[in-house]
Amino acid sequence: MRALLPTWSDWRPAVRSPGADLLSGLIVALVALPLALGFGISSGLGAAAGIATAIVAGVVAAVFGGSRFQVSGPTGAMTVVLVPIFHQHGASGVLAVGLLAGIVLVVLAIAGVGRAVRYMPAPVIEGFTAGIAVVIALQQFPSALGIAHAHGEKVWQTAFDAVRHYVSQPHHVTLATALIVAAIVLIGGRYLPKLPFALIAVAVATVAAKVFDLDLTPIGSVPAGLQAPTLGFVHLDQLGTLIAPALAVAALAALESLLSATAADGMAVGTRHDPNRELFGQGLANIAAPLFGGVPATGAIARTAVNVRSGARTRLAALTHAVVLAAIIYLAAPLVADIPLAALAGVLLATTVRMVETASLAAIARASKGDAAIMAVTFLVTVALDLVTAVAVGVGIAVLLALRSVAKEARLQRIPLDVPADDTDHLAEEHDLLHDHIVAYRIDGPLFFAAAHRFLLELAEVSDVHVVILRMSHVTALDTTGALVLKDAIGKLEHNGIAVLMSGLRDDHRRRLGTIGALPVGGDSSIFEHTPDAIARARCYLPDPVKAPCP
């Protein structure tokens, strides 16, 4: 636990020179404001929930998290998971799920599983990132098209319903507002990346809506501050049905936060986050946010990137971002209430475009057909079903393809027997006997469940010999299935009157084979450290042994 708690060394550089962090935090807050509002609305709990998450989770994660650059708050990926939870369990269900997910994250941090993210395959990450971008874009269709009541069980169904209503009753001003805002954010961000064009575009759209009396639906009333902390959303009779969604939210929060922290490490020189401490900080953030009406939070890749590029040096920048957001809400809540929903939809549409790294997708697609398939399946399942299922399916396919690839590396090769040259009259006779009646096979690579049965088929076909020598020194891995299959192969050979010897058997492999009775019938007398010793022993099994003493 002590390793998970903050220390004075986290803050010493910030106290000595806070200027760069304060400026970076201000810039990130201006970028985060429209995103927090938009993601709060998209989740179903409203703009106030998004702001509460950005403030509360932002503060807690900045203090207790494991990355000095990470900026936490509501994210598009989390919104994708929360929408069906909101429809099924309501607002109180979403808050309870966030609280339970926070507890799960704290447990994972204490258990030390934070480093597991390094094993996530890149095609899965790219596939679900592209899928999330599409899902977020589909979520904006109702607001961008000016449709208040679009229905569907899945996001793509709701988007299709919104388009259908728009065709019958078009709202051109709403759509134009969303597209113009998106264009300003994308074009401005490309040429002047340090300016908060998302906030500028939203402000211009809000002023234009007021001045020209445009028919645009505003956010509506936003509380001038945070609500008092409460546990009133917790209903004990409901918790049992929320465990599965909470685990899904915890898995996503862990995955996205650790990926974001890893990306921040890559953008800054000489930094490295603590993954277990990051899970701990995100867990506490998700425990705290629901108490103030906030949705589950994660590390936000886009805001974290802005933080790094704006010159942040310590976690003071992320803390400043949350404080600035709190000041905006307490001092300017009426102005926030007038922001058009279409303008926020435009900001989020621009965000989805930035999320997709086309060069990375193309590189993975060209790398191999297997990687391309993993990425495509993960993408499709993300859009059609949900993110957690997509990650599970993508990782499952990746594991199967990896096992298939490893299994292909395993080989059973017949190896020529090396007979030392000498001047005896029986040299030619020895060569004939060894090559006609004794064979040696070398097993290369792993002998495990995915590859073992091939060896059984190959060894079982060995005939017209008296002795088979199995050279085991190149076996890299041996599981119980491989041992059992080898036992079966040895049994078939010995049943056919063929003696089996082994050489180069590792001690751990020998123990496993001995435990399940997979060693040759001769036991220790059939196992040799070196192959020449096994050859010498093999001569004794020939019908007419060479004239040399048998060992």
Protein backbone atom coordinates (compact mmCIF):
# COMPACT_ATOMS: atom_id res chain seq x y z
CA MET A 1 0.00 0.00 0.00
CA ARG A 2 2.82 2.43 0.79
CA ALA A 3 4.10 2.18 -2.77
CA LEU A 4 0.66 3.22 -4.08
CA LEU A 5 0.42 6.43 -2.07
CA PRO A 6 1.67 9.87 -3.22
CA THR A 7 4.99 11.22 -1.97
CA TRP A 8 6.54 14.65 -1.61
CA SER A 9 8.86 13.91 -4.54
CA ASP A 10 5.78 13.97 -6.82
CA TRP A 11 5.23 17.63 -6.04
CA ARG A 12 8.68 19.02 -5.28
CA PRO A 13 9.43 20.09 -8.90
CA ALA A 14 5.99 21.71 -9.18
CA VAL A 15 6.53 23.79 -6.06
CA ARG A 16 9.95 24.97 -7.25
CA SER A 17 8.76 26.01 -10.72
CA PRO A 18 4.97 25.95 -11.23
CA GLY A 19 4.68 28.29 -14.21
CA ALA A 20 4.74 25.77 -17.06
CA ASP A 21 2.31 23.44 -15.29
CA LEU A 22 -0.17 26.23 -14.49
CA LEU A 23 -0.22 27.38 -18.12
CA SER A 24 -0.55 23.83 -19.43
CA GLY A 25 -3.40 23.13 -17.00
CA LEU A 26 -5.27 26.23 -18.23
CA ILE A 27 -4.92 25.14 -21.87
CA VAL A 28 -6.08 21.59 -21.10
CA ALA A 29 -9.11 22.94 -19.20
CA LEU A 30 -10.19 24.97 -22.23
CA VAL A 31 -9.92 21.84 -24.39
CA ALA A 32 -11.62 19.64 -21.79
CA LEU A 33 -14.66 21.82 -21.13
CA PRO A 34 -16.60 21.10 -24.34
CA LEU A 35 -15.54 17.45 -24.25
CA ALA A 36 -16.70 17.00 -20.67
CA LEU A 37 -20.04 18.60 -21.47
CA GLY A 38 -20.46 16.51 -24.62
CA PHE A 39 -19.54 13.18 -23.09
CA GLY A 40 -21.76 13.87 -20.08
CA ILE A 41 -24.74 14.45 -22.37
CA SER A 42 -23.88 11.41 -24.52
CA SER A 43 -23.79 9.15 -21.45
CA GLY A 44 -27.39 10.07 -20.65
CA LEU A 45 -26.73 11.75 -17.30
CA GLY A 46 -26.37 15.27 -18.68
CA ALA A 47 -23.74 17.98 -18.97
CA ALA A 48 -23.47 18.46 -15.20
CA ALA A 49 -22.39 14.84 -14.78
CA GLY A 50 -19.61 15.28 -17.34
CA ILE A 51 -18.29 18.39 -15.63
CA ALA A 52 -18.48 16.78 -12.18
CA THR A 53 -16.45 13.84 -13.48
CA ALA A 54 -13.80 16.08 -15.03
CA ILE A 55 -13.42 18.06 -11.79
CA VAL A 56 -13.61 15.36 -9.10
CA ALA A 57 -11.92 12.52 -10.98
CA GLY A 58 -9.41 14.99 -12.39
CA VAL A 59 -8.32 16.09 -8.92
CA VAL A 60 -8.20 12.62 -7.34
CA ALA A 61 -6.40 10.95 -10.25
CA ALA A 62 -3.88 13.80 -10.46
CA VAL A 63 -2.97 13.35 -6.79
CA PHE A 64 -3.03 9.55 -6.53
CA GLY A 65 -2.36 8.40 -10.10
CA GLY A 66 0.83 6.85 -11.37
CA SER A 67 1.54 9.22 -14.28
CA ARG A 68 2.64 12.81 -13.87
CA PHE A 69 1.04 13.77 -17.21
CA GLN A 70 -2.25 11.88 -17.12
CA VAL A 71 -5.45 13.94 -17.39
CA SER A 72 -8.56 12.03 -16.32
CA GLY A 73 -12.25 12.59 -16.93
CA PRO A 74 -15.18 11.38 -19.03
CA THR A 75 -14.14 9.80 -22.33
CA GLY A 76 -15.81 8.60 -25.48
CA ALA A 77 -14.82 4.99 -24.94
CA MET A 78 -16.43 4.97 -21.50
CA THR A 79 -19.53 6.67 -22.86
CA VAL A 80 -19.95 3.82 -25.34
CA VAL A 81 -20.16 1.37 -22.43
CA LEU A 82 -22.32 3.60 -20.21
CA VAL A 83 -25.15 4.23 -22.69
CA PRO A 84 -26.64 0.71 -22.49
CA ILE A 85 -26.17 0.70 -18.69
CA PHE A 86 -28.12 3.97 -18.48
CA HIS A 87 -30.94 2.61 -20.63
CA GLN A 88 -31.20 -0.56 -18.55
CA HIS A 89 -30.56 0.68 -15.01
CA GLY A 90 -31.04 4.45 -15.13
CA ALA A 91 -28.85 7.21 -13.75
CA SER A 92 -28.54 5.64 -10.30
CA GLY A 93 -27.33 2.43 -11.94
CA VAL A 94 -24.57 4.27 -13.79
CA LEU A 95 -23.39 5.95 -10.59
CA ALA A 96 -23.43 2.65 -8.68
CA VAL A 97 -21.52 0.94 -11.49
CA GLY A 98 -18.87 3.66 -11.29
CA LEU A 99 -18.50 3.17 -7.54
CA LEU A 100 -18.19 -0.62 -7.87
CA ALA A 101 -15.74 -0.26 -10.75
CA GLY A 102 -13.59 2.02 -8.61
CA ILE A 103 -13.45 -0.58 -5.86
CA VAL A 104 -12.45 -3.23 -8.42
CA LEU A 105 -9.65 -0.99 -9.73
CA VAL A 106 -8.29 -0.46 -6.23
CA VAL A 107 -8.26 -4.23 -5.68
CA LEU A 108 -6.46 -4.74 -9.01
CA ALA A 109 -3.87 -2.15 -8.02
CA ILE A 110 -3.21 -3.80 -4.67
CA ALA A 111 -2.96 -7.17 -6.44
CA GLY A 112 -0.31 -5.69 -8.75
CA VAL A 113 -1.91 -6.52 -12.11
CA GLY A 114 -1.25 -3.12 -13.67
CA ARG A 115 1.60 -4.38 -15.83
CA ALA A 116 -0.70 -6.78 -17.72
CA VAL A 117 -1.55 -4.09 -20.30
CA ARG A 118 1.83 -4.62 -21.96
CA TYR A 119 0.49 -7.95 -23.26
CA MET A 120 -2.40 -6.35 -25.15
CA PRO A 121 -1.88 -7.00 -28.92
CA ALA A 122 -1.46 -3.89 -31.05
CA PRO A 123 -4.08 -4.96 -33.66
CA VAL A 124 -6.67 -5.22 -30.87
CA ILE A 125 -5.81 -1.74 -29.58
CA GLU A 126 -5.99 -0.19 -33.04
CA GLY A 127 -9.18 -2.07 -33.89
CA PHE A 128 -11.14 -0.99 -30.87
CA THR A 129 -9.77 2.56 -31.05
CA ALA A 130 -11.10 2.88 -34.60
CA GLY A 131 -14.34 1.22 -33.51
CA ILE A 132 -14.74 3.64 -30.60
CA ALA A 133 -14.26 6.56 -32.99
CA VAL A 134 -17.07 5.28 -35.22
CA VAL A 135 -19.37 4.63 -32.24
CA ILE A 136 -18.77 8.13 -30.83
CA ALA A 137 -19.51 9.61 -34.25
CA LEU A 138 -22.74 7.60 -34.49
CA GLN A 139 -23.74 8.82 -31.02
CA GLN A 140 -23.61 12.42 -32.28
CA PHE A 141 -26.06 11.87 -35.14
CA PRO A 142 -29.22 12.82 -33.17
CA SER A 143 -27.71 16.07 -31.84
CA ALA A 144 -26.00 16.94 -35.14
CA LEU A 145 -29.22 16.34 -37.08
CA GLY A 146 -31.49 18.05 -34.56
CA ILE A 147 -33.48 14.91 -33.73
CA ALA A 148 -34.58 14.83 -30.09
CA HIS A 149 -36.12 11.37 -30.04
CA ALA A 150 -34.14 8.73 -31.89
CA HIS A 151 -34.49 5.15 -30.72
CA GLY A 152 -32.55 1.89 -31.05
CA GLU A 153 -30.96 -0.78 -28.87
CA LYS A 154 -27.55 -0.25 -30.42
CA VAL A 155 -25.79 3.00 -31.26
CA TRP A 156 -25.86 2.31 -34.98
CA GLN A 157 -29.60 1.65 -34.81
CA THR A 158 -30.19 4.98 -33.04
CA ALA A 159 -28.07 6.77 -35.64
CA PHE A 160 -30.04 5.14 -38.47
CA ASP A 161 -33.32 6.18 -36.80
CA ALA A 162 -32.03 9.76 -36.51
CA VAL A 163 -31.13 9.85 -40.20
CA ARG A 164 -34.58 8.49 -41.08
CA HIS A 165 -36.29 11.25 -39.09
CA TYR A 166 -33.96 13.88 -40.56
CA VAL A 167 -34.84 12.89 -44.13
CA SER A 168 -38.53 13.40 -43.41
CA GLN A 169 -38.02 16.59 -41.36
CA PRO A 170 -34.63 18.14 -42.14
CA HIS A 171 -32.98 20.66 -39.77
CA HIS A 172 -30.38 22.27 -42.01
CA VAL A 173 -29.19 24.88 -39.50
CA THR A 174 -28.43 22.23 -36.88
CA LEU A 175 -26.47 20.06 -39.29
CA ALA A 176 -24.60 23.04 -40.71
CA THR A 177 -23.63 24.17 -37.19
CA ALA A 178 -22.22 20.74 -36.30
CA LEU A 179 -20.26 20.48 -39.55
CA ILE A 180 -18.86 24.02 -39.34
CA VAL A 181 -17.73 23.50 -35.74
CA ALA A 182 -16.09 20.20 -36.68
CA ALA A 183 -14.32 21.83 -39.63
CA ILE A 184 -13.02 24.72 -37.48
CA VAL A 185 -11.67 22.30 -34.87
CA LEU A 186 -9.96 20.07 -37.45
CA ILE A 187 -8.53 22.79 -39.69
CA GLY A 188 -7.54 25.10 -36.86
CA GLY A 189 -6.00 22.25 -34.88
CA ARG A 190 -3.92 21.26 -37.89
CA TYR A 191 -2.33 24.67 -38.48
CA LEU A 192 -2.42 26.21 -34.98
CA PRO A 193 -2.46 23.22 -32.63
CA LYS A 194 -1.75 25.22 -29.47
CA LEU A 195 -4.95 27.26 -29.68
CA PRO A 196 -8.14 25.80 -28.08
CA PHE A 197 -10.19 25.78 -31.27
CA ALA A 198 -12.83 23.51 -29.74
CA LEU A 199 -13.65 26.17 -27.16
CA ILE A 200 -13.42 28.96 -29.76
CA ALA A 201 -15.79 27.19 -32.15
CA VAL A 202 -18.30 26.44 -29.39
CA ALA A 203 -18.19 30.05 -28.18
CA VAL A 204 -18.75 31.40 -31.71
CA ALA A 205 -21.67 29.02 -32.26
CA THR A 206 -23.23 30.05 -28.93
CA VAL A 207 -22.94 33.76 -29.72
CA ALA A 208 -24.28 33.24 -33.25
CA ALA A 209 -27.27 31.30 -31.95
CA LYS A 210 -28.13 34.19 -29.61
CA VAL A 211 -27.49 37.06 -32.04
CA PHE A 212 -29.25 35.55 -35.06
CA ASP A 213 -31.91 33.71 -33.02
CA LEU A 214 -31.01 30.37 -34.63
CA ASP A 215 -33.23 27.36 -34.05
CA LEU A 216 -30.63 25.38 -32.09
CA THR A 217 -31.36 23.32 -28.99
CA PRO A 218 -29.17 24.45 -26.05
CA ILE A 219 -27.73 22.29 -23.28
CA GLY A 220 -30.14 23.73 -20.75
CA SER A 221 -29.64 24.56 -17.12
CA VAL A 222 -26.36 23.51 -15.53
CA PRO A 223 -25.90 23.60 -11.73
CA ALA A 224 -23.69 26.47 -10.63
CA GLY A 225 -21.31 24.12 -8.82
CA LEU A 226 -21.06 20.54 -7.66
CA GLN A 227 -23.79 18.75 -5.79
CA ALA A 228 -23.24 17.69 -2.19
CA PRO A 229 -21.69 14.20 -1.94
CA THR A 230 -24.23 11.44 -1.39
CA LEU A 231 -24.63 7.66 -1.51
CA GLY A 232 -28.34 7.91 -2.23
CA PHE A 233 -27.89 6.23 -5.61
CA VAL A 234 -26.82 2.95 -3.98
CA HIS A 235 -29.67 0.43 -3.77
CA LEU A 236 -28.60 -2.84 -2.20
CA ASP A 237 -31.23 -4.88 -4.06
CA GLN A 238 -29.80 -3.61 -7.37
CA LEU A 239 -26.12 -4.32 -6.76
CA GLY A 240 -26.25 -7.96 -7.84
CA THR A 241 -27.33 -7.03 -11.38
CA LEU A 242 -24.64 -4.35 -11.60
CA ILE A 243 -21.61 -6.55 -10.92
CA ALA A 244 -21.13 -7.60 -14.56
CA PRO A 245 -21.41 -4.03 -15.93
CA ALA A 246 -19.08 -2.84 -13.16
CA LEU A 247 -16.44 -5.39 -14.16
CA ALA A 248 -16.76 -4.25 -17.78
CA VAL A 249 -16.37 -0.60 -16.78
CA ALA A 250 -13.38 -1.44 -14.55
CA ALA A 251 -11.72 -3.38 -17.38
CA LEU A 252 -12.19 -0.49 -19.78
CA ALA A 253 -11.03 2.11 -17.24
CA ALA A 254 -7.89 0.10 -16.53
CA LEU A 255 -7.14 -0.52 -20.18
CA GLU A 256 -7.74 3.01 -21.45
CA SER A 257 -5.95 4.66 -18.53
CA LEU A 258 -2.85 2.50 -18.81
CA LEU A 259 -2.73 2.94 -22.58
CA SER A 260 -3.03 6.69 -22.16
CA ALA A 261 -0.24 6.73 -19.56
CA THR A 262 1.94 4.63 -21.85
CA ALA A 263 1.30 7.04 -24.72
CA ALA A 264 2.28 9.96 -22.46
CA ASP A 265 5.54 8.20 -21.61
CA GLY A 266 6.26 7.94 -25.32
CA MET A 267 5.66 11.66 -25.90
CA ALA A 268 7.88 12.81 -23.03
CA VAL A 269 11.57 12.06 -22.63
CA GLY A 270 12.82 10.11 -19.62
CA THR A 271 9.45 9.40 -17.97
CA ARG A 272 7.80 6.18 -16.94
CA HIS A 273 4.49 5.76 -15.17
CA ASP A 274 3.71 3.33 -12.36
CA PRO A 275 0.91 1.12 -13.72
CA ASN A 276 -0.29 -0.22 -10.37
CA ARG A 277 -0.36 3.24 -8.85
CA GLU A 278 -2.23 4.48 -11.91
CA LEU A 279 -4.92 1.85 -11.35
CA PHE A 280 -5.07 2.87 -7.70
CA GLY A 281 -5.55 6.54 -8.61
CA GLN A 282 -8.21 5.74 -11.20
CA GLY A 283 -9.97 3.50 -8.69
CA LEU A 284 -10.14 6.26 -6.10
CA ALA A 285 -11.28 8.71 -8.79
CA ASN A 286 -14.13 6.42 -9.77
CA ILE A 287 -15.13 5.96 -6.15
CA ALA A 288 -15.21 9.72 -5.61
CA ALA A 289 -16.85 10.90 -8.87
CA PRO A 290 -20.23 9.15 -8.41
CA LEU A 291 -20.61 10.72 -4.94
CA PHE A 292 -20.83 14.11 -6.70
CA GLY A 293 -23.01 12.86 -9.56
CA GLY A 294 -20.17 12.09 -11.98
CA VAL A 295 -19.95 9.23 -14.47
CA PRO A 296 -17.09 6.69 -14.46
CA ALA A 297 -13.79 8.21 -15.58
CA THR A 298 -10.58 7.08 -17.23
CA GLY A 299 -7.33 8.60 -18.35
CA ALA A 300 -8.13 10.65 -21.46
CA ILE A 301 -5.62 10.13 -24.27
CA ALA A 302 -6.48 13.33 -26.19
CA ARG A 303 -6.35 15.62 -23.13
CA THR A 304 -3.22 13.92 -21.85
CA ALA A 305 -1.53 14.53 -25.21
CA VAL A 306 -2.51 18.21 -25.09
CA ASN A 307 -1.09 18.37 -21.58
CA VAL A 308 2.29 16.98 -22.64
CA ARG A 309 2.51 19.12 -25.77
CA SER A 310 1.61 22.25 -23.81
CA GLY A 311 4.75 21.90 -21.70
CA ALA A 312 3.50 20.14 -18.55
CA ARG A 313 6.24 18.82 -16.28
CA THR A 314 4.41 17.51 -13.21
CA ARG A 315 0.97 16.39 -12.05
CA LEU A 316 0.23 19.99 -11.03
CA ALA A 317 -0.91 20.59 -14.62
CA ALA A 318 -3.69 17.97 -14.40
CA LEU A 319 -4.72 19.32 -11.00
CA THR A 320 -4.83 22.87 -12.40
CA HIS A 321 -7.07 21.72 -15.27
CA ALA A 322 -9.64 20.43 -12.78
CA VAL A 323 -9.50 23.59 -10.66
CA VAL A 324 -10.01 25.80 -13.73
CA LEU A 325 -13.04 23.73 -14.77
CA ALA A 326 -14.49 24.14 -11.28
CA ALA A 327 -13.99 27.91 -11.48
CA ILE A 328 -15.76 28.05 -14.86
CA ILE A 329 -18.77 26.14 -13.52
CA TYR A 330 -19.06 28.19 -10.34
CA LEU A 331 -18.63 31.52 -12.12
CA ALA A 332 -20.10 30.99 -15.60
CA ALA A 333 -22.75 28.27 -15.40
CA PRO A 334 -25.46 30.39 -17.19
CA LEU A 335 -23.17 30.84 -20.19
CA VAL A 336 -22.52 27.09 -20.39
CA ALA A 337 -26.28 26.44 -20.38
CA ASP A 338 -26.67 28.37 -23.68
CA ILE A 339 -24.19 26.20 -25.64
CA PRO A 340 -25.99 24.50 -28.58
CA LEU A 341 -25.99 20.70 -28.54
CA ALA A 342 -25.08 20.74 -32.23
CA ALA A 343 -21.87 22.63 -31.44
CA LEU A 344 -20.81 19.98 -28.91
CA ALA A 345 -21.70 17.28 -31.45
CA GLY A 346 -19.35 18.99 -33.91
CA VAL A 347 -16.52 19.00 -31.37
CA LEU A 348 -16.98 15.29 -30.72
CA LEU A 349 -17.17 14.50 -34.44
CA ALA A 350 -13.83 16.26 -34.88
CA THR A 351 -12.46 14.28 -31.94
CA THR A 352 -13.38 10.99 -33.63
CA VAL A 353 -11.48 11.99 -36.76
CA ARG A 354 -8.38 12.71 -34.69
CA MET A 355 -8.66 9.42 -32.84
CA VAL A 356 -8.06 7.32 -35.95
CA GLU A 357 -4.41 6.93 -36.93
CA THR A 358 -4.73 5.87 -40.56
CA ALA A 359 -0.99 5.30 -40.96
CA SER A 360 -0.94 2.90 -38.01
CA LEU A 361 -4.02 1.06 -39.30
CA ALA A 362 -2.46 0.70 -42.75
CA ALA A 363 0.85 -0.52 -41.32
CA ILE A 364 -0.85 -3.24 -39.26
CA ALA A 365 -3.03 -4.26 -42.20
CA ARG A 366 0.08 -4.69 -44.35
CA ALA A 367 2.02 -6.54 -41.63
CA SER A 368 0.12 -9.81 -41.94
CA LYS A 369 -3.28 -11.21 -42.82
CA GLY A 370 -3.69 -12.43 -39.25
CA ASP A 371 -3.12 -8.99 -37.74
CA ALA A 372 -5.45 -7.44 -40.30
CA ALA A 373 -8.15 -9.98 -39.41
CA ILE A 374 -7.77 -9.34 -35.66
CA MET A 375 -8.04 -5.60 -36.20
CA ALA A 376 -11.05 -5.89 -38.51
CA VAL A 377 -12.96 -8.26 -36.23
CA THR A 378 -12.26 -6.09 -33.16
CA PHE A 379 -13.46 -3.03 -35.07
CA LEU A 380 -16.67 -4.67 -36.28
CA VAL A 381 -17.57 -6.15 -32.88
CA THR A 382 -16.93 -2.77 -31.22
CA VAL A 383 -19.38 -1.06 -33.56
CA ALA A 384 -21.97 -3.84 -33.67
CA LEU A 385 -21.92 -4.99 -30.02
CA ASP A 386 -19.75 -3.39 -27.33
CA LEU A 387 -16.15 -2.61 -26.49
CA VAL A 388 -15.54 -5.22 -23.79
CA THR A 389 -16.84 -8.01 -26.03
CA ALA A 390 -14.68 -6.67 -28.86
CA VAL A 391 -11.53 -6.73 -26.71
CA ALA A 392 -12.32 -10.26 -25.51
CA VAL A 393 -12.92 -11.49 -29.07
CA GLY A 394 -9.86 -9.70 -30.43
CA VAL A 395 -7.55 -11.03 -27.72
CA GLY A 396 -9.03 -14.52 -28.13
CA ILE A 397 -8.33 -14.54 -31.87
CA ALA A 398 -4.84 -13.14 -31.28
CA VAL A 399 -4.09 -15.92 -28.77
CA LEU A 400 -5.31 -18.60 -31.18
CA LEU A 401 -3.22 -17.21 -34.03
CA ALA A 402 -0.19 -16.94 -31.75
CA LEU A 403 -0.59 -20.57 -30.66
CA ARG A 404 -0.93 -21.60 -34.28
CA SER A 405 2.23 -19.71 -35.16
CA VAL A 406 4.17 -21.21 -32.25
CA ALA A 407 2.89 -24.69 -33.06
CA LYS A 408 4.20 -24.33 -36.62
CA GLU A 409 7.66 -23.68 -35.23
CA ALA A 410 7.71 -27.11 -33.57
CA ARG A 411 9.37 -29.75 -35.77
CA LEU A 412 10.28 -33.40 -35.64
CA GLN A 413 13.41 -34.02 -37.71
CA ARG A 414 15.23 -37.23 -38.50
CA ILE A 415 18.88 -36.52 -37.74
CA PRO A 416 21.82 -38.46 -39.29
CA LEU A 417 23.75 -40.38 -36.65
CA ASP A 418 27.31 -39.17 -36.25
CA VAL A 419 29.69 -42.14 -35.95
CA PRO A 420 33.28 -41.20 -35.05
CA ALA A 421 35.75 -42.22 -37.75
CA ASP A 422 38.34 -44.89 -36.88
CA ASP A 423 40.53 -47.43 -38.63
CA THR A 424 38.71 -50.60 -37.59
CA ASP A 425 37.66 -53.18 -40.13
CA HIS A 426 34.06 -52.92 -38.96
CA LEU A 427 33.52 -49.22 -39.83
CA ALA A 428 31.39 -49.90 -42.92
CA GLU A 429 29.41 -52.56 -41.03
CA GLU A 430 28.72 -50.11 -38.17
CA HIS A 431 27.50 -47.47 -40.60
CA ASP A 432 25.15 -49.92 -42.29
CA LEU A 433 23.73 -51.19 -39.01
CA LEU A 434 23.23 -47.71 -37.52
CA HIS A 435 21.58 -46.27 -40.61
CA ASP A 436 19.42 -49.29 -41.35
CA HIS A 437 18.23 -50.18 -37.86
CA ILE A 438 18.69 -47.15 -35.60
CA VAL A 439 17.11 -43.74 -36.23
CA ALA A 440 17.36 -40.51 -34.28
CA TYR A 441 14.70 -37.82 -34.18
CA ARG A 442 15.25 -34.34 -32.81
CA ILE A 443 12.28 -32.44 -31.44
CA ASP A 444 12.68 -28.71 -32.01
CA GLY A 445 10.55 -26.07 -30.32
CA PRO A 446 7.59 -26.38 -27.94
CA LEU A 447 5.86 -29.70 -27.40
CA PHE A 448 2.47 -28.54 -26.14
CA PHE A 449 -1.22 -29.05 -26.78
CA ALA A 450 -1.32 -27.04 -30.01
CA ALA A 451 1.44 -29.05 -31.70
CA ALA A 452 1.79 -32.36 -29.90
CA HIS A 453 -0.62 -34.47 -31.94
CA ARG A 454 1.42 -33.96 -35.10
CA PHE A 455 4.34 -35.68 -33.35
CA LEU A 456 2.18 -38.63 -32.41
CA LEU A 457 1.23 -39.17 -36.05
CA GLU A 458 4.82 -38.86 -37.29
CA LEU A 459 6.38 -41.07 -34.61
CA ALA A 460 3.68 -43.70 -34.89
CA GLU A 461 4.60 -44.20 -38.56
CA VAL A 462 8.19 -45.18 -37.74
CA SER A 463 8.82 -48.82 -38.72
CA ASP A 464 11.51 -51.23 -39.94
CA VAL A 465 13.90 -50.10 -37.22
CA HIS A 466 14.98 -51.57 -33.92
CA VAL A 467 15.79 -48.42 -31.95
CA VAL A 468 14.50 -44.84 -31.97
CA ILE A 469 16.59 -42.20 -30.22
CA LEU A 470 14.66 -39.07 -29.23
CA ARG A 471 16.96 -36.08 -28.95
CA MET A 472 15.19 -33.78 -26.47
CA SER A 473 17.74 -31.02 -25.90
CA HIS A 474 15.97 -28.61 -28.30
CA VAL A 475 12.53 -28.90 -26.68
CA THR A 476 11.78 -25.38 -25.44
CA ALA A 477 8.53 -26.11 -23.62
CA LEU A 478 6.61 -29.19 -22.56
CA ASP A 479 3.11 -29.16 -21.13
CA THR A 480 1.01 -32.04 -19.78
CA THR A 481 -0.77 -32.56 -23.10
CA GLY A 482 2.54 -32.82 -24.91
CA ALA A 483 3.83 -35.26 -22.29
CA LEU A 484 0.75 -37.46 -22.62
CA VAL A 485 0.97 -37.48 -26.41
CA LEU A 486 4.66 -38.39 -26.21
CA LYS A 487 3.77 -41.16 -23.77
CA ASP A 488 1.27 -42.52 -26.28
CA ALA A 489 3.82 -42.37 -29.12
CA ILE A 490 6.49 -44.14 -27.05
CA GLY A 491 3.95 -46.78 -26.06
CA LYS A 492 3.06 -47.48 -29.71
CA LEU A 493 6.71 -47.77 -30.67
CA GLU A 494 7.49 -50.16 -27.82
CA HIS A 495 4.36 -52.17 -28.60
CA ASN A 496 5.77 -52.67 -32.11
CA GLY A 497 9.03 -53.99 -30.65
CA ILE A 498 10.98 -50.77 -31.16
CA ALA A 499 13.18 -49.67 -28.28
CA VAL A 500 13.08 -45.97 -27.36
CA LEU A 501 16.00 -44.05 -25.91
CA MET A 502 16.27 -40.39 -24.99
CA SER A 503 19.15 -37.94 -24.88
CA GLY A 504 19.54 -34.35 -23.71
CA LEU A 505 16.40 -34.39 -21.54
CA ARG A 506 16.12 -31.36 -19.24
CA ASP A 507 15.55 -32.02 -15.55
CA ASP A 508 12.19 -30.24 -15.41
CA HIS A 509 10.97 -32.08 -18.51
CA ARG A 510 12.23 -35.36 -17.06
CA ARG A 511 10.25 -34.80 -13.87
CA ARG A 512 7.07 -34.06 -15.79
CA LEU A 513 7.45 -37.08 -18.05
CA GLY A 514 8.29 -39.30 -15.08
CA THR A 515 5.27 -38.09 -13.09
CA ILE A 516 2.80 -39.22 -15.75
CA GLY A 517 4.74 -42.33 -16.78
CA ALA A 518 5.88 -41.03 -20.16
CA LEU A 519 9.52 -42.16 -19.93
CA PRO A 520 10.73 -45.15 -22.00
CA VAL A 521 10.22 -48.60 -20.46
CA GLY A 522 13.85 -48.80 -19.40
CA GLY A 523 13.55 -45.78 -17.13
CA ASP A 524 16.86 -44.20 -16.16
CA SER A 525 18.78 -46.76 -18.19
CA SER A 526 17.09 -45.45 -21.35
CA ILE A 527 17.96 -41.80 -20.73
CA PHE A 528 21.34 -40.34 -21.59
CA GLU A 529 22.91 -36.95 -21.27
CA HIS A 530 24.65 -37.14 -24.65
CA THR A 531 23.54 -38.67 -27.94
CA PRO A 532 26.75 -40.70 -28.55
CA ASP A 533 26.07 -42.54 -25.27
CA ALA A 534 22.56 -43.33 -26.50
CA ILE A 535 23.98 -44.62 -29.79
CA ALA A 536 26.33 -46.89 -27.92
CA ARG A 537 23.41 -48.28 -25.93
CA ALA A 538 21.30 -48.64 -29.09
CA ARG A 539 23.80 -51.13 -30.55
CA CYS A 540 22.84 -53.60 -27.87
CA TYR A 541 19.26 -53.74 -29.20
CA LEU A 542 20.30 -54.90 -32.68
CA PRO A 543 19.65 -58.54 -33.61
CA ASP A 544 23.37 -59.02 -34.30
CA PRO A 545 25.14 -56.46 -32.09
CA VAL A 546 28.45 -55.11 -33.23
CA LYS A 547 31.42 -56.68 -31.54
CA ALA A 548 31.84 -54.13 -28.79
CA PRO A 549 30.99 -54.30 -25.09
CA CYS A 550 27.45 -53.04 -24.36
CA PRO A 551 27.15 -50.43 -21.61
